Structure formats: C-alpha cells, structure tokens
Amino acid sequence: MATKTSISPEAAVDRAWELFCRLHNAPSCIHADQLVQWLGEDPRHVRAFDEALTLWALAGAALLSPVLEGAQHSSSDLQ
C-alpha cells in the first residue's frame, strides 16, 4: 500500500522536476523505476509531476515561438 508523505507542493514539484530531468537526460530503467516508485507513493506526486511537465512544455513553446514567428514571416516573403 502506498504511504503518504508530508512534502510541500513546491518541494513535490521540485522533486518531480529532478526525477524527470534525470530520466530525460540519462534514460535508464533505474531512473524510470525511481520515478514510478515516487509517483506511486502519493497521489500528490502525480499532480506535481503533471505540473512539472506542464512547465516543461510551456518553456518549450516559449522557446519555439520566435522560431515559428520567423518561419511565418519568411514564408510570407516568398508569396
């Protein structure tokens, strides 16, 4: 049975980010198992992981936005 931990939401997001980055940067069964185990410890960990992934996706979108805008301007120049 999963055990509840007393971790603040901010600390949970920090831990989720740490585990995600570790798995993303150095994929391995050990890193995946660590993430899965942590996620199973508390439903709040799943929410924290979702929040961390949302931040990651938004950061990526922010980085791509200027590139996509530049591509749109370039394609309109060709017309």
PDB file of N, CA and C in Angstrom:
ATOM      1  N   MET A   1       0.838  -1.177   0.000  1.00  0.00           N
ATOM      2  CA  MET A   1       0.000   0.000   0.000  1.00  0.00           C
ATOM      3  C   MET A   1       0.882   1.240   0.000  1.00  0.00           C
ATOM      4  N   ALA A   2       0.454   2.260  -0.743  1.00  0.00           N
ATOM      5  CA  ALA A   2       1.225   3.495  -0.834  1.00  0.00           C
ATOM      6  C   ALA A   2       1.188   4.239   0.492  1.00  0.00           C
ATOM      7  N   THR A   3       2.300   4.867   0.820  1.00  0.00           N
ATOM      8  CA  THR A   3       2.368   5.642   2.043  1.00  0.00           C
ATOM      9  C   THR A   3       2.300   7.116   1.710  1.00  0.00           C
ATOM     10  N   LYS A   4       1.652   7.883   2.565  1.00  0.00           N
ATOM     11  CA  LYS A   4       1.551   9.329   2.379  1.00  0.00           C
ATOM     12  C   LYS A   4       2.797   9.988   2.943  1.00  0.00           C
ATOM     13  N   THR A   5       3.298  10.966   2.220  1.00  0.00           N
ATOM     14  CA  THR A   5       4.449  11.723   2.699  1.00  0.00           C
ATOM     15  C   THR A   5       4.000  13.142   2.989  1.00  0.00           C
ATOM     16  N   SER A   6       4.694  13.808   3.881  1.00  0.00           N
ATOM     17  CA  SER A   6       4.342  15.196   4.176  1.00  0.00           C
ATOM     18  C   SER A   6       5.355  16.102   3.485  1.00  0.00           C
ATOM     19  N   ILE A   7       5.131  16.320   2.214  1.00  0.00           N
ATOM     20  CA  ILE A   7       6.011  17.145   1.401  1.00  0.00           C
ATOM     21  C   ILE A   7       5.188  18.320   0.877  1.00  0.00           C
ATOM     22  N   SER A   8       5.774  19.508   0.895  1.00  0.00           N
ATOM     23  CA  SER A   8       5.047  20.682   0.400  1.00  0.00           C
ATOM     24  C   SER A   8       4.836  20.553  -1.105  1.00  0.00           C
ATOM     25  N   PRO A   9       3.792  21.195  -1.624  1.00  0.00           N
ATOM     26  CA  PRO A   9       3.566  21.138  -3.075  1.00  0.00           C
ATOM     27  C   PRO A   9       4.768  21.633  -3.873  1.00  0.00           C
ATOM     28  N   GLU A  10       5.431  22.678  -3.368  1.00  0.00           N
ATOM     29  CA  GLU A  10       6.596  23.215  -4.070  1.00  0.00           C
ATOM     30  C   GLU A  10       7.738  22.206  -4.085  1.00  0.00           C
ATOM     31  N   ALA A  11       7.959  21.557  -2.941  1.00  0.00           N
ATOM     32  CA  ALA A  11       9.014  20.548  -2.862  1.00  0.00           C
ATOM     33  C   ALA A  11       8.679  19.348  -3.747  1.00  0.00           C
ATOM     34  N   ALA A  12       7.400  19.027  -3.848  1.00  0.00           N
ATOM     35  CA  ALA A  12       6.987  17.905  -4.694  1.00  0.00           C
ATOM     36  C   ALA A  12       7.257  18.222  -6.165  1.00  0.00           C
ATOM     37  N   VAL A  13       6.964  19.450  -6.587  1.00  0.00           N
ATOM     38  CA  VAL A  13       7.239  19.837  -7.975  1.00  0.00           C
ATOM     39  C   VAL A  13       8.746  19.832  -8.226  1.00  0.00           C
ATOM     40  N   ASP A  14       9.512  20.306  -7.253  1.00  0.00           N
ATOM     41  CA  ASP A  14      10.976  20.280  -7.386  1.00  0.00           C
ATOM     42  C   ASP A  14      11.478  18.852  -7.553  1.00  0.00           C
ATOM     43  N   ARG A  15      10.949  17.944  -6.751  1.00  0.00           N
ATOM     44  CA  ARG A  15      11.366  16.535  -6.832  1.00  0.00           C
ATOM     45  C   ARG A  15      10.920  15.924  -8.161  1.00  0.00           C
ATOM     46  N   ALA A  16       9.700  16.249  -8.573  1.00  0.00           N
ATOM     47  CA  ALA A  16       9.199  15.754  -9.858  1.00  0.00           C
ATOM     48  C   ALA A  16      10.102  16.230 -10.987  1.00  0.00           C
ATOM     49  N   TRP A  17      10.492  17.501 -10.940  1.00  0.00           N
ATOM     50  CA  TRP A  17      11.368  18.073 -11.968  1.00  0.00           C
ATOM     51  C   TRP A  17      12.717  17.363 -11.964  1.00  0.00           C
ATOM     52  N   GLU A  18      13.250  17.141 -10.769  1.00  0.00           N
ATOM     53  CA  GLU A  18      14.535  16.443 -10.642  1.00  0.00           C
ATOM     54  C   GLU A  18      14.466  15.043 -11.253  1.00  0.00           C
ATOM     55  N   LEU A  19      13.420  14.300 -10.908  1.00  0.00           N
ATOM     56  CA  LEU A  19      13.285  12.934 -11.430  1.00  0.00           C
ATOM     57  C   LEU A  19      13.055  12.939 -12.938  1.00  0.00           C
ATOM     58  N   PHE A  20      12.257  13.873 -13.419  1.00  0.00           N
ATOM     59  CA  PHE A  20      12.013  13.972 -14.857  1.00  0.00           C
ATOM     60  C   PHE A  20      13.300  14.282 -15.607  1.00  0.00           C
ATOM     61  N   CYS A  21      14.043  15.280 -15.118  1.00  0.00           N
ATOM     62  CA  CYS A  21      15.287  15.670 -15.793  1.00  0.00           C
ATOM     63  C   CYS A  21      16.294  14.523 -15.800  1.00  0.00           C
ATOM     64  N   ARG A  22      16.373  13.817 -14.703  1.00  0.00           N
ATOM     65  CA  ARG A  22      17.292  12.685 -14.626  1.00  0.00           C
ATOM     66  C   ARG A  22      16.928  11.638 -15.685  1.00  0.00           C
ATOM     67  N   LEU A  23      15.639  11.339 -15.790  1.00  0.00           N
ATOM     68  CA  LEU A  23      15.202  10.344 -16.780  1.00  0.00           C
ATOM     69  C   LEU A  23      15.356  10.880 -18.203  1.00  0.00           C
ATOM     70  N   HIS A  24      15.032  12.132 -18.407  1.00  0.00           N
ATOM     71  CA  HIS A  24      15.129  12.734 -19.738  1.00  0.00           C
ATOM     72  C   HIS A  24      16.569  12.817 -20.221  1.00  0.00           C
ATOM     73  N   ASN A  25      17.472  13.225 -19.331  1.00  0.00           N
ATOM     74  CA  ASN A  25      18.870  13.440 -19.713  1.00  0.00           C
ATOM     75  C   ASN A  25      19.693  12.158 -19.759  1.00  0.00           C
ATOM     76  N   ALA A  26      19.305  11.162 -18.991  1.00  0.00           N
ATOM     77  CA  ALA A  26      20.037   9.889 -18.950  1.00  0.00           C
ATOM     78  C   ALA A  26      19.033   8.750 -18.791  1.00  0.00           C
ATOM     79  N   PRO A  27      18.298   8.446 -19.866  1.00  0.00           N
ATOM     80  CA  PRO A  27      17.274   7.406 -19.761  1.00  0.00           C
ATOM     81  C   PRO A  27      17.863   6.071 -19.295  1.00  0.00           C
ATOM     82  N   SER A  28      17.203   5.479 -18.327  1.00  0.00           N
ATOM     83  CA  SER A  28      17.609   4.161 -17.846  1.00  0.00           C
ATOM     84  C   SER A  28      16.450   3.535 -17.088  1.00  0.00           C
ATOM     85  N   CYS A  29      16.508   2.232 -16.945  1.00  0.00           N
ATOM     86  CA  CYS A  29      15.479   1.532 -16.176  1.00  0.00           C
ATOM     87  C   CYS A  29      15.507   1.975 -14.718  1.00  0.00           C
ATOM     88  N   ILE A  30      16.676   2.250 -14.198  1.00  0.00           N
ATOM     89  CA  ILE A  30      16.794   2.681 -12.805  1.00  0.00           C
ATOM     90  C   ILE A  30      16.096   4.027 -12.616  1.00  0.00           C
ATOM     91  N   HIS A  31      16.345   4.977 -13.510  1.00  0.00           N
ATOM     92  CA  HIS A  31      15.708   6.289 -13.392  1.00  0.00           C
ATOM     93  C   HIS A  31      14.199   6.173 -13.583  1.00  0.00           C
ATOM     94  N   ALA A  32      13.776   5.347 -14.512  1.00  0.00           N
ATOM     95  CA  ALA A  32      12.340   5.143 -14.718  1.00  0.00           C
ATOM     96  C   ALA A  32      11.706   4.518 -13.479  1.00  0.00           C
ATOM     97  N   ASP A  33      12.356   3.535 -12.905  1.00  0.00           N
ATOM     98  CA  ASP A  33      11.836   2.894 -11.694  1.00  0.00           C
ATOM     99  C   ASP A  33      11.750   3.875 -10.531  1.00  0.00           C
ATOM    100  N   GLN A  34      12.754   4.751 -10.396  1.00  0.00           N
ATOM    101  CA  GLN A  34      12.729   5.757  -9.327  1.00  0.00           C
ATOM    102  C   GLN A  34      11.523   6.671  -9.493  1.00  0.00           C
ATOM    103  N   LEU A  35      11.265   7.089 -10.724  1.00  0.00           N
ATOM    104  CA  LEU A  35      10.124   7.961 -10.989  1.00  0.00           C
ATOM    105  C   LEU A  35       8.816   7.232 -10.699  1.00  0.00           C
ATOM    106  N   VAL A  36       8.680   6.023 -11.192  1.00  0.00           N
ATOM    107  CA  VAL A  36       7.447   5.258 -10.990  1.00  0.00           C
ATOM    108  C   VAL A  36       7.210   5.011  -9.507  1.00  0.00           C
ATOM    109  N   GLN A  37       8.250   4.672  -8.787  1.00  0.00           N
ATOM    110  CA  GLN A  37       8.109   4.428  -7.349  1.00  0.00           C
ATOM    111  C   GLN A  37       7.652   5.700  -6.642  1.00  0.00           C
ATOM    112  N   TRP A  38       8.284   6.822  -6.962  1.00  0.00           N
ATOM    113  CA  TRP A  38       7.916   8.086  -6.332  1.00  0.00           C
ATOM    114  C   TRP A  38       6.474   8.462  -6.664  1.00  0.00           C
ATOM    115  N   LEU A  39       6.075   8.284  -7.919  1.00  0.00           N
ATOM    116  CA  LEU A  39       4.705   8.600  -8.318  1.00  0.00           C
ATOM    117  C   LEU A  39       3.694   7.756  -7.547  1.00  0.00           C
ATOM    118  N   GLY A  40       4.037   6.514  -7.259  1.00  0.00           N
ATOM    119  CA  GLY A  40       3.129   5.618  -6.554  1.00  0.00           C
ATOM    120  C   GLY A  40       3.018   5.879  -5.065  1.00  0.00           C
ATOM    121  N   GLU A  41       3.902   6.697  -4.526  1.00  0.00           N
ATOM    122  CA  GLU A  41       3.897   6.959  -3.085  1.00  0.00           C
ATOM    123  C   GLU A  41       2.746   7.844  -2.638  1.00  0.00           C
ATOM    124  N   ASP A  42       2.273   8.724  -3.495  1.00  0.00           N
ATOM    125  CA  ASP A  42       1.272   9.703  -3.077  1.00  0.00           C
ATOM    126  C   ASP A  42       0.602  10.282  -4.312  1.00  0.00           C
ATOM    127  N   PRO A  43      -0.714  10.376  -4.333  1.00  0.00           N
ATOM    128  CA  PRO A  43      -1.387  10.979  -5.495  1.00  0.00           C
ATOM    129  C   PRO A  43      -0.939  12.421  -5.757  1.00  0.00           C
ATOM    130  N   ARG A  44      -0.480  13.105  -4.716  1.00  0.00           N
ATOM    131  CA  ARG A  44       0.006  14.471  -4.903  1.00  0.00           C
ATOM    132  C   ARG A  44       1.274  14.496  -5.744  1.00  0.00           C
ATOM    133  N   HIS A  45       2.012  13.402  -5.741  1.00  0.00           N
ATOM    134  CA  HIS A  45       3.215  13.326  -6.567  1.00  0.00           C
ATOM    135  C   HIS A  45       2.836  13.317  -8.046  1.00  0.00           C
ATOM    136  N   VAL A  46       1.749  12.655  -8.366  1.00  0.00           N
ATOM    137  CA  VAL A  46       1.281  12.628  -9.761  1.00  0.00           C
ATOM    138  C   VAL A  46       0.902  14.032 -10.201  1.00  0.00           C
ATOM    139  N   ARG A  47       0.211  14.760  -9.344  1.00  0.00           N
ATOM    140  CA  ARG A  47      -0.154  16.146  -9.673  1.00  0.00           C
ATOM    141  C   ARG A  47       1.095  17.016  -9.822  1.00  0.00           C
ATOM    142  N   ALA A  48       2.069  16.813  -8.952  1.00  0.00           N
ATOM    143  CA  ALA A  48       3.317  17.584  -9.029  1.00  0.00           C
ATOM    144  C   ALA A  48       4.054  17.269 -10.330  1.00  0.00           C
ATOM    145  N   PHE A  49       4.064  15.998 -10.718  1.00  0.00           N
ATOM    146  CA  PHE A  49       4.726  15.604 -11.958  1.00  0.00           C
ATOM    147  C   PHE A  49       4.014  16.224 -13.156  1.00  0.00           C
ATOM    148  N   ASP A  50       2.701  16.230 -13.125  1.00  0.00           N
ATOM    149  CA  ASP A  50       1.923  16.860 -14.191  1.00  0.00           C
ATOM    150  C   ASP A  50       2.257  18.349 -14.284  1.00  0.00           C
ATOM    151  N   GLU A  51       2.384  19.002 -13.137  1.00  0.00           N
ATOM    152  CA  GLU A  51       2.740  20.415 -13.128  1.00  0.00           C
ATOM    153  C   GLU A  51       4.143  20.640 -13.699  1.00  0.00           C
ATOM    154  N   ALA A  52       5.078  19.787 -13.327  1.00  0.00           N
ATOM    155  CA  ALA A  52       6.447  19.909 -13.845  1.00  0.00           C
ATOM    156  C   ALA A  52       6.468  19.717 -15.363  1.00  0.00           C
ATOM    157  N   LEU A  53       5.717  18.745 -15.854  1.00  0.00           N
ATOM    158  CA  LEU A  53       5.669  18.516 -17.303  1.00  0.00           C
ATOM    159  C   LEU A  53       4.988  19.667 -18.030  1.00  0.00           C
ATOM    160  N   THR A  54       3.989  20.262 -17.403  1.00  0.00           N
ATOM    161  CA  THR A  54       3.326  21.415 -17.998  1.00  0.00           C
ATOM    162  C   THR A  54       4.303  22.580 -18.130  1.00  0.00           C
ATOM    163  N   LEU A  55       5.081  22.815 -17.083  1.00  0.00           N
ATOM    164  CA  LEU A  55       6.087  23.876 -17.139  1.00  0.00           C
ATOM    165  C   LEU A  55       7.118  23.602 -18.228  1.00  0.00           C
ATOM    166  N   TRP A  56       7.529  22.342 -18.359  1.00  0.00           N
ATOM    167  CA  TRP A  56       8.488  21.952 -19.388  1.00  0.00           C
ATOM    168  C   TRP A  56       7.907  22.220 -20.781  1.00  0.00           C
ATOM    169  N   ALA A  57       6.649  21.853 -20.970  1.00  0.00           N
ATOM    170  CA  ALA A  57       6.004  22.059 -22.267  1.00  0.00           C
ATOM    171  C   ALA A  57       5.855  23.547 -22.572  1.00  0.00           C
ATOM    172  N   LEU A  58       5.466  24.322 -21.568  1.00  0.00           N
ATOM    173  CA  LEU A  58       5.316  25.771 -21.785  1.00  0.00           C
ATOM    174  C   LEU A  58       6.649  26.432 -22.092  1.00  0.00           C
ATOM    175  N   ALA A  59       7.700  25.979 -21.421  1.00  0.00           N
ATOM    176  CA  ALA A  59       9.037  26.534 -21.698  1.00  0.00           C
ATOM    177  C   ALA A  59       9.444  26.223 -23.126  1.00  0.00           C
ATOM    178  N   GLY A  60       9.170  25.009 -23.568  1.00  0.00           N
ATOM    179  CA  GLY A  60       9.479  24.641 -24.948  1.00  0.00           C
ATOM    180  C   GLY A  60       8.689  25.471 -25.937  1.00  0.00           C
ATOM    181  N   ALA A  61       7.427  25.718 -25.630  1.00  0.00           N
ATOM    182  CA  ALA A  61       6.593  26.530 -26.517  1.00  0.00           C
ATOM    183  C   ALA A  61       7.122  27.962 -26.573  1.00  0.00           C
ATOM    184  N   ALA A  62       7.566  28.469 -25.428  1.00  0.00           N
ATOM    185  CA  ALA A  62       8.114  29.830 -25.405  1.00  0.00           C
ATOM    186  C   ALA A  62       9.389  29.920 -26.228  1.00  0.00           C
ATOM    187  N   LEU A  63      10.193  28.878 -26.194  1.00  0.00           N
ATOM    188  CA  LEU A  63      11.425  28.873 -26.983  1.00  0.00           C
ATOM    189  C   LEU A  63      11.131  28.758 -28.472  1.00  0.00           C
ATOM    190  N   LEU A  64      10.090  28.015 -28.823  1.00  0.00           N
ATOM    191  CA  LEU A  64       9.752  27.817 -30.233  1.00  0.00           C
ATOM    192  C   LEU A  64       9.001  28.993 -30.844  1.00  0.00           C
ATOM    193  N   SER A  65       8.328  29.768 -30.035  1.00  0.00           N
ATOM    194  CA  SER A  65       7.502  30.854 -30.548  1.00  0.00           C
ATOM    195  C   SER A  65       8.265  31.796 -31.475  1.00  0.00           C
ATOM    196  N   PRO A  66       9.449  32.313 -31.085  1.00  0.00           N
ATOM    197  CA  PRO A  66      10.179  33.190 -32.015  1.00  0.00           C
ATOM    198  C   PRO A  66      10.584  32.475 -33.306  1.00  0.00           C
ATOM    199  N   VAL A  67      10.916  31.215 -33.215  1.00  0.00           N
ATOM    200  CA  VAL A  67      11.303  30.453 -34.401  1.00  0.00           C
ATOM    201  C   VAL A  67      10.118  30.312 -35.341  1.00  0.00           C
ATOM    202  N   LEU A  68       8.961  29.981 -34.777  1.00  0.00           N
ATOM    203  CA  LEU A  68       7.768  29.825 -35.604  1.00  0.00           C
ATOM    204  C   LEU A  68       7.337  31.149 -36.218  1.00  0.00           C
ATOM    205  N   GLU A  69       7.445  32.233 -35.456  1.00  0.00           N
ATOM    206  CA  GLU A  69       7.109  33.550 -35.994  1.00  0.00           C
ATOM    207  C   GLU A  69       8.055  33.915 -37.126  1.00  0.00           C
ATOM    208  N   GLY A  70       9.323  33.609 -36.968  1.00  0.00           N
ATOM    209  CA  GLY A  70      10.297  33.882 -38.028  1.00  0.00           C
ATOM    210  C   GLY A  70       9.999  33.078 -39.272  1.00  0.00           C
ATOM    211  N   ALA A  71       9.580  31.845 -39.094  1.00  0.00           N
ATOM    212  CA  ALA A  71       9.245  30.993 -40.237  1.00  0.00           C
ATOM    213  C   ALA A  71       8.009  31.523 -40.955  1.00  0.00           C
ATOM    214  N   GLN A  72       7.046  32.038 -40.204  1.00  0.00           N
ATOM    215  CA  GLN A  72       5.847  32.596 -40.823  1.00  0.00           C
ATOM    216  C   GLN A  72       6.193  33.832 -41.639  1.00  0.00           C
ATOM    217  N   HIS A  73       7.077  34.672 -41.112  1.00  0.00           N
ATOM    218  CA  HIS A  73       7.478  35.874 -41.842  1.00  0.00           C
ATOM    219  C   HIS A  73       8.257  35.494 -43.106  1.00  0.00           C
ATOM    220  N   SER A  74       9.087  34.492 -43.019  1.00  0.00           N
ATOM    221  CA  SER A  74       9.861  34.056 -44.185  1.00  0.00           C
ATOM    222  C   SER A  74       8.948  33.499 -45.273  1.00  0.00           C
ATOM    223  N   SER A  75       7.954  32.726 -44.861  1.00  0.00           N
ATOM    224  CA  SER A  75       7.062  32.147 -45.869  1.00  0.00           C
ATOM    225  C   SER A  75       6.179  33.209 -46.508  1.00  0.00           C
ATOM    226  N   SER A  76       5.806  34.253 -45.772  1.00  0.00           N
ATOM    227  CA  SER A  76       5.009  35.314 -46.368  1.00  0.00           C
ATOM    228  C   SER A  76       5.841  36.145 -47.332  1.00  0.00           C
ATOM    229  N   ASP A  77       7.158  36.218 -47.106  1.00  0.00           N
ATOM    230  CA  ASP A  77       8.040  36.932 -48.028  1.00  0.00           C
ATOM    231  C   ASP A  77       8.124  36.229 -49.374  1.00  0.00           C
ATOM    232  N   LEU A  78       7.902  34.923 -49.371  1.00  0.00           N
ATOM    233  CA  LEU A  78       8.010  34.157 -50.605  1.00  0.00           C
ATOM    234  C   LEU A  78       6.773  34.262 -51.468  1.00  0.00           C
ATOM    235  N   GLN A  79       5.696  34.753 -50.912  1.00  0.00           N
ATOM    236  CA  GLN A  79       4.444  34.810 -51.669  1.00  0.00           C
ATOM    237  C   GLN A  79       4.323  36.066 -52.489  1.00  0.00           C
TER     238      GLN A  79
END
